[in-house]
Amino acid sequence: MADNKIENSNLPKLVGFLSFKDRVDVIVRVLFGFFIAIVIMAGLREKIEYNDVPETFKGSAIVLVTAGLMSIAFFGFSGVI
């Protein structure tokens, strides 16, 4: 059980502490990605509004389907799928 001590772990080396500049860089990139996703979603919702959608899919159901398809597309861009 002595191997499980937190004092002896290499956690700080594995995690790596980010400098302030790196933290700001990560925040800016996340905000930019979120902004792009929201703009794409707004455009798709506007196009869906004028299409013939079945009654059961109107509203939040079609939005969830669209969000799921967008997430698959973004995973494909990152090389996960």
C-alpha atoms as a PDB file:
ATOM      1  CA  MET A   1       0.000   0.000   0.000  1.00  0.00           C
ATOM      2  CA  ALA A   2       3.000   2.329   0.216  1.00  0.00           C
ATOM      3  CA  ASP A   3       2.963   2.726  -3.567  1.00  0.00           C
ATOM      4  CA  ASN A   4      -0.360   4.566  -3.457  1.00  0.00           C
ATOM      5  CA  LYS A   5       0.908   7.594  -1.548  1.00  0.00           C
ATOM      6  CA  ILE A   6       0.071  10.898  -3.172  1.00  0.00           C
ATOM      7  CA  GLU A   7       3.355  12.445  -2.049  1.00  0.00           C
ATOM      8  CA  ASN A   8       5.330   9.987  -4.151  1.00  0.00           C
ATOM      9  CA  SER A   9       3.208  10.231  -7.263  1.00  0.00           C
ATOM     10  CA  ASN A  10       4.268  11.887 -10.495  1.00  0.00           C
ATOM     11  CA  LEU A  11       0.914  13.635 -10.861  1.00  0.00           C
ATOM     12  CA  PRO A  12       2.336  17.165 -11.212  1.00  0.00           C
ATOM     13  CA  LYS A  13       4.681  15.938 -13.932  1.00  0.00           C
ATOM     14  CA  LEU A  14       1.885  14.150 -15.804  1.00  0.00           C
ATOM     15  CA  VAL A  15      -0.683  16.931 -15.597  1.00  0.00           C
ATOM     16  CA  GLY A  16       1.697  19.750 -16.381  1.00  0.00           C
ATOM     17  CA  PHE A  17       0.868  23.153 -15.034  1.00  0.00           C
ATOM     18  CA  LEU A  18      -0.128  25.737 -17.610  1.00  0.00           C
ATOM     19  CA  SER A  19       1.269  29.218 -17.551  1.00  0.00           C
ATOM     20  CA  PHE A  20      -1.085  32.189 -17.629  1.00  0.00           C
ATOM     21  CA  LYS A  21      -0.450  32.672 -21.348  1.00  0.00           C
ATOM     22  CA  ASP A  22      -1.283  29.039 -22.068  1.00  0.00           C
ATOM     23  CA  ARG A  23      -4.456  29.253 -19.994  1.00  0.00           C
ATOM     24  CA  VAL A  24      -5.607  32.326 -21.887  1.00  0.00           C
ATOM     25  CA  ASP A  25      -4.788  30.585 -25.165  1.00  0.00           C
ATOM     26  CA  VAL A  26      -6.917  27.573 -24.196  1.00  0.00           C
ATOM     27  CA  ILE A  27      -9.816  29.798 -23.124  1.00  0.00           C
ATOM     28  CA  VAL A  28      -9.715  31.757 -26.387  1.00  0.00           C
ATOM     29  CA  ARG A  29      -9.665  28.559 -28.456  1.00  0.00           C
ATOM     30  CA  VAL A  30     -12.566  27.041 -26.521  1.00  0.00           C
ATOM     31  CA  LEU A  31     -14.625  30.213 -26.855  1.00  0.00           C
ATOM     32  CA  PHE A  32     -13.890  30.406 -30.585  1.00  0.00           C
ATOM     33  CA  GLY A  33     -14.933  26.772 -31.073  1.00  0.00           C
ATOM     34  CA  PHE A  34     -18.111  27.286 -29.066  1.00  0.00           C
ATOM     35  CA  PHE A  35     -18.932  30.412 -31.099  1.00  0.00           C
ATOM     36  CA  ILE A  36     -18.458  28.534 -34.379  1.00  0.00           C
ATOM     37  CA  ALA A  37     -20.667  25.662 -33.168  1.00  0.00           C
ATOM     38  CA  ILE A  38     -23.426  28.059 -32.079  1.00  0.00           C
ATOM     39  CA  VAL A  39     -23.327  29.942 -35.398  1.00  0.00           C
ATOM     40  CA  ILE A  40     -23.527  26.683 -37.361  1.00  0.00           C
ATOM     41  CA  MET A  41     -26.404  25.469 -35.167  1.00  0.00           C
ATOM     42  CA  ALA A  42     -28.303  28.724 -35.627  1.00  0.00           C
ATOM     43  CA  GLY A  43     -27.921  28.499 -39.389  1.00  0.00           C
ATOM     44  CA  LEU A  44     -29.116  24.905 -39.450  1.00  0.00           C
ATOM     45  CA  ARG A  45     -32.109  25.692 -37.242  1.00  0.00           C
ATOM     46  CA  GLU A  46     -33.086  28.511 -39.563  1.00  0.00           C
ATOM     47  CA  LYS A  47     -32.912  26.197 -42.587  1.00  0.00           C
ATOM     48  CA  ILE A  48     -34.845  23.448 -40.767  1.00  0.00           C
ATOM     49  CA  GLU A  49     -37.587  25.927 -39.892  1.00  0.00           C
ATOM     50  CA  TYR A  50     -38.589  26.241 -43.557  1.00  0.00           C
ATOM     51  CA  ASN A  51     -38.393  22.504 -44.352  1.00  0.00           C
ATOM     52  CA  ASP A  52     -41.187  19.968 -44.102  1.00  0.00           C
ATOM     53  CA  VAL A  53     -40.404  18.230 -40.798  1.00  0.00           C
ATOM     54  CA  PRO A  54     -42.723  15.550 -39.365  1.00  0.00           C
ATOM     55  CA  GLU A  55     -44.839  16.732 -36.439  1.00  0.00           C
ATOM     56  CA  THR A  56     -43.080  14.404 -33.983  1.00  0.00           C
ATOM     57  CA  PHE A  57     -39.679  15.924 -34.797  1.00  0.00           C
ATOM     58  CA  LYS A  58     -40.677  19.590 -34.574  1.00  0.00           C
ATOM     59  CA  GLY A  59     -39.135  21.647 -31.800  1.00  0.00           C
ATOM     60  CA  SER A  60     -36.454  20.312 -29.527  1.00  0.00           C
ATOM     61  CA  ALA A  61     -36.421  16.790 -31.035  1.00  0.00           C
ATOM     62  CA  ILE A  62     -34.999  17.938 -34.371  1.00  0.00           C
ATOM     63  CA  VAL A  63     -32.532  20.172 -32.524  1.00  0.00           C
ATOM     64  CA  LEU A  64     -31.214  17.172 -30.574  1.00  0.00           C
ATOM     65  CA  VAL A  65     -30.907  15.109 -33.758  1.00  0.00           C
ATOM     66  CA  THR A  66     -29.064  17.981 -35.431  1.00  0.00           C
ATOM     67  CA  ALA A  67     -26.746  18.405 -32.432  1.00  0.00           C
ATOM     68  CA  GLY A  68     -25.963  14.681 -32.511  1.00  0.00           C
ATOM     69  CA  LEU A  69     -25.102  14.793 -36.206  1.00  0.00           C
ATOM     70  CA  MET A  70     -22.945  17.880 -35.646  1.00  0.00           C
ATOM     71  CA  SER A  71     -21.059  16.139 -32.847  1.00  0.00           C
ATOM     72  CA  ILE A  72     -20.347  13.174 -35.125  1.00  0.00           C
ATOM     73  CA  ALA A  73     -19.080  15.589 -37.786  1.00  0.00           C
ATOM     74  CA  PHE A  74     -16.804  17.388 -35.308  1.00  0.00           C
ATOM     75  CA  PHE A  75     -15.418  14.062 -34.066  1.00  0.00           C
ATOM     76  CA  GLY A  76     -14.705  13.142 -37.666  1.00  0.00           C
ATOM     77  CA  PHE A  77     -12.777  16.367 -38.169  1.00  0.00           C
ATOM     78  CA  SER A  78     -10.613  15.627 -35.137  1.00  0.00           C
ATOM     79  CA  GLY A  79      -9.815  12.112 -36.308  1.00  0.00           C
ATOM     80  CA  VAL A  80     -11.584  10.305 -33.467  1.00  0.00           C
ATOM     81  CA  ILE A  81     -13.928   8.351 -35.763  1.00  0.00           C
END
